Amino acid sequence: MLLIHCPYCEELREEEEFSPAGQAHIVRPLQPEEISDEQWARYLFFRKNPRGLHHEMWLHAAGCRKYFNATRNTVTYEIMETYKMGLKPSVTASEEGQS
């Protein structure tokens, strides 16, 4: 059983309470009507799928119903940190080997 820390509820909860919501920190184009169809498609459909460290967005669906971000190792499934929306991760690719 994977336990996930909700940064809003401030407690560990079972993974069944959460839903993954894709890659974190994707910035929406400020003026979408001014970008090409190719750029718009890249924003909508293309996501990173790395092996190793990945920043993801999650929803606490059966709890507070808030979105938050998590830094997770996609190989080991280890969740290294969770943090509120709008904040930056403290664990980055350069720090992965040091943890």
C-alpha atoms as a PDB file:
ATOM      1  CA  MET A   1       0.000   0.000   0.000  1.00  0.00           C
ATOM      2  CA  LEU A   2       1.379   3.362  -1.055  1.00  0.00           C
ATOM      3  CA  LEU A   3       0.884   6.154   1.469  1.00  0.00           C
ATOM      4  CA  ILE A   4       0.736   9.717   0.141  1.00  0.00           C
ATOM      5  CA  HIS A   5       1.101  12.858   2.233  1.00  0.00           C
ATOM      6  CA  CYS A   6      -1.534  15.492   1.410  1.00  0.00           C
ATOM      7  CA  PRO A   7       0.043  18.923   1.954  1.00  0.00           C
ATOM      8  CA  TYR A   8      -3.400  20.448   2.607  1.00  0.00           C
ATOM      9  CA  CYS A   9      -4.780  17.839   5.036  1.00  0.00           C
ATOM     10  CA  GLU A  10      -1.234  17.486   6.450  1.00  0.00           C
ATOM     11  CA  GLU A  11      -1.452  13.719   6.934  1.00  0.00           C
ATOM     12  CA  LEU A  12      -0.564  10.440   5.226  1.00  0.00           C
ATOM     13  CA  ARG A  13      -3.472   8.787   3.449  1.00  0.00           C
ATOM     14  CA  GLU A  14      -3.859   5.579   1.410  1.00  0.00           C
ATOM     15  CA  GLU A  15      -3.304   5.824  -2.334  1.00  0.00           C
ATOM     16  CA  GLU A  16      -6.931   4.904  -3.127  1.00  0.00           C
ATOM     17  CA  GLU A  17      -7.927   8.398  -1.966  1.00  0.00           C
ATOM     18  CA  PHE A  18      -5.870  10.048  -4.725  1.00  0.00           C
ATOM     19  CA  SER A  19      -6.016  10.364  -8.505  1.00  0.00           C
ATOM     20  CA  PRO A  20      -2.995  11.196 -10.648  1.00  0.00           C
ATOM     21  CA  ALA A  21      -3.586  14.266 -12.816  1.00  0.00           C
ATOM     22  CA  GLY A  22      -0.536  14.288 -15.099  1.00  0.00           C
ATOM     23  CA  GLN A  23       2.644  16.283 -15.357  1.00  0.00           C
ATOM     24  CA  ALA A  24       3.066  19.246 -12.996  1.00  0.00           C
ATOM     25  CA  HIS A  25       4.190  22.783 -13.803  1.00  0.00           C
ATOM     26  CA  ILE A  26       2.760  23.003 -17.332  1.00  0.00           C
ATOM     27  CA  VAL A  27       2.321  26.658 -18.224  1.00  0.00           C
ATOM     28  CA  ARG A  28      -0.705  27.559 -20.334  1.00  0.00           C
ATOM     29  CA  PRO A  29       0.068  29.900 -23.255  1.00  0.00           C
ATOM     30  CA  LEU A  30      -0.929  33.456 -22.308  1.00  0.00           C
ATOM     31  CA  GLN A  31      -2.412  34.225 -25.732  1.00  0.00           C
ATOM     32  CA  PRO A  32      -3.449  30.898 -27.289  1.00  0.00           C
ATOM     33  CA  GLU A  33      -5.079  32.582 -30.285  1.00  0.00           C
ATOM     34  CA  GLU A  34      -1.647  33.859 -31.333  1.00  0.00           C
ATOM     35  CA  ILE A  35       0.229  30.540 -31.379  1.00  0.00           C
ATOM     36  CA  SER A  36       0.366  28.000 -34.185  1.00  0.00           C
ATOM     37  CA  ASP A  37      -1.686  24.814 -34.262  1.00  0.00           C
ATOM     38  CA  GLU A  38       1.540  22.862 -33.735  1.00  0.00           C
ATOM     39  CA  GLN A  39       2.392  24.851 -30.586  1.00  0.00           C
ATOM     40  CA  TRP A  40      -1.172  24.469 -29.268  1.00  0.00           C
ATOM     41  CA  ALA A  41      -1.083  20.699 -29.901  1.00  0.00           C
ATOM     42  CA  ARG A  42       2.274  20.486 -28.112  1.00  0.00           C
ATOM     43  CA  TYR A  43       0.748  22.248 -25.087  1.00  0.00           C
ATOM     44  CA  LEU A  44      -2.361  20.028 -25.056  1.00  0.00           C
ATOM     45  CA  PHE A  45      -0.979  16.585 -25.811  1.00  0.00           C
ATOM     46  CA  PHE A  46       2.761  16.215 -25.339  1.00  0.00           C
ATOM     47  CA  ARG A  47       3.986  15.393 -21.854  1.00  0.00           C
ATOM     48  CA  LYS A  48       7.263  14.194 -20.410  1.00  0.00           C
ATOM     49  CA  ASN A  49       7.394  10.538 -19.445  1.00  0.00           C
ATOM     50  CA  PRO A  50      10.819  10.213 -17.813  1.00  0.00           C
ATOM     51  CA  ARG A  51      12.383   7.230 -16.192  1.00  0.00           C
ATOM     52  CA  GLY A  52      13.355   8.462 -12.738  1.00  0.00           C
ATOM     53  CA  LEU A  53      12.549  11.794 -11.138  1.00  0.00           C
ATOM     54  CA  HIS A  54       9.217  13.321 -12.243  1.00  0.00           C
ATOM     55  CA  HIS A  55       7.047  16.160 -10.953  1.00  0.00           C
ATOM     56  CA  GLU A  56       3.375  15.194 -11.050  1.00  0.00           C
ATOM     57  CA  MET A  57       0.039  16.742 -10.175  1.00  0.00           C
ATOM     58  CA  TRP A  58      -2.344  14.740  -7.976  1.00  0.00           C
ATOM     59  CA  LEU A  59      -5.909  15.197  -6.719  1.00  0.00           C
ATOM     60  CA  HIS A  60      -6.967  14.210  -3.195  1.00  0.00           C
ATOM     61  CA  ALA A  61     -10.265  12.911  -4.611  1.00  0.00           C
ATOM     62  CA  ALA A  62     -11.633  11.218  -1.469  1.00  0.00           C
ATOM     63  CA  GLY A  63     -10.346  13.850   0.932  1.00  0.00           C
ATOM     64  CA  CYS A  64     -10.044  17.624   0.661  1.00  0.00           C
ATOM     65  CA  ARG A  65     -10.550  17.502  -3.161  1.00  0.00           C
ATOM     66  CA  LYS A  66      -7.565  19.802  -3.737  1.00  0.00           C
ATOM     67  CA  TYR A  67      -4.838  19.444  -6.325  1.00  0.00           C
ATOM     68  CA  PHE A  68      -1.209  19.301  -5.216  1.00  0.00           C
ATOM     69  CA  ASN A  69       2.151  18.393  -6.723  1.00  0.00           C
ATOM     70  CA  ALA A  70       4.425  15.473  -5.922  1.00  0.00           C
ATOM     71  CA  THR A  71       7.993  14.600  -6.829  1.00  0.00           C
ATOM     72  CA  ARG A  72       8.116  10.879  -7.550  1.00  0.00           C
ATOM     73  CA  ASN A  73      10.689   8.403  -8.829  1.00  0.00           C
ATOM     74  CA  THR A  74       8.926   6.551 -11.651  1.00  0.00           C
ATOM     75  CA  VAL A  75      11.271   3.564 -11.354  1.00  0.00           C
ATOM     76  CA  THR A  76      10.922   2.906  -7.620  1.00  0.00           C
ATOM     77  CA  TYR A  77       7.516   4.616  -7.083  1.00  0.00           C
ATOM     78  CA  GLU A  78       9.040   6.487  -4.128  1.00  0.00           C
ATOM     79  CA  ILE A  79       7.317   9.807  -3.474  1.00  0.00           C
ATOM     80  CA  MET A  80      10.084  12.130  -2.344  1.00  0.00           C
ATOM     81  CA  GLU A  81       7.920  15.132  -1.522  1.00  0.00           C
ATOM     82  CA  THR A  82       4.465  16.650  -1.894  1.00  0.00           C
ATOM     83  CA  TYR A  83       3.812  20.364  -2.035  1.00  0.00           C
ATOM     84  CA  LYS A  84       0.960  22.797  -2.561  1.00  0.00           C
ATOM     85  CA  MET A  85       0.032  24.188  -5.954  1.00  0.00           C
ATOM     86  CA  GLY A  86       1.967  27.337  -6.826  1.00  0.00           C
ATOM     87  CA  LEU A  87       5.077  26.243  -4.936  1.00  0.00           C
ATOM     88  CA  LYS A  88       8.296  24.972  -6.475  1.00  0.00           C
ATOM     89  CA  PRO A  89       9.747  21.513  -5.784  1.00  0.00           C
ATOM     90  CA  SER A  90      12.656  21.259  -3.390  1.00  0.00           C
ATOM     91  CA  VAL A  91      13.877  17.997  -4.964  1.00  0.00           C
ATOM     92  CA  THR A  92      15.263  18.399  -8.481  1.00  0.00           C
ATOM     93  CA  ALA A  93      17.104  16.158 -10.938  1.00  0.00           C
ATOM     94  CA  SER A  94      20.506  17.383  -9.724  1.00  0.00           C
ATOM     95  CA  GLU A  95      19.619  16.332  -6.153  1.00  0.00           C
ATOM     96  CA  GLU A  96      18.185  12.912  -7.029  1.00  0.00           C
ATOM     97  CA  GLY A  97      21.416  11.009  -6.474  1.00  0.00           C
ATOM     98  CA  GLN A  98      21.986  12.731  -3.115  1.00  0.00           C
ATOM     99  CA  SER A  99      18.698  11.645  -1.470  1.00  0.00           C
END
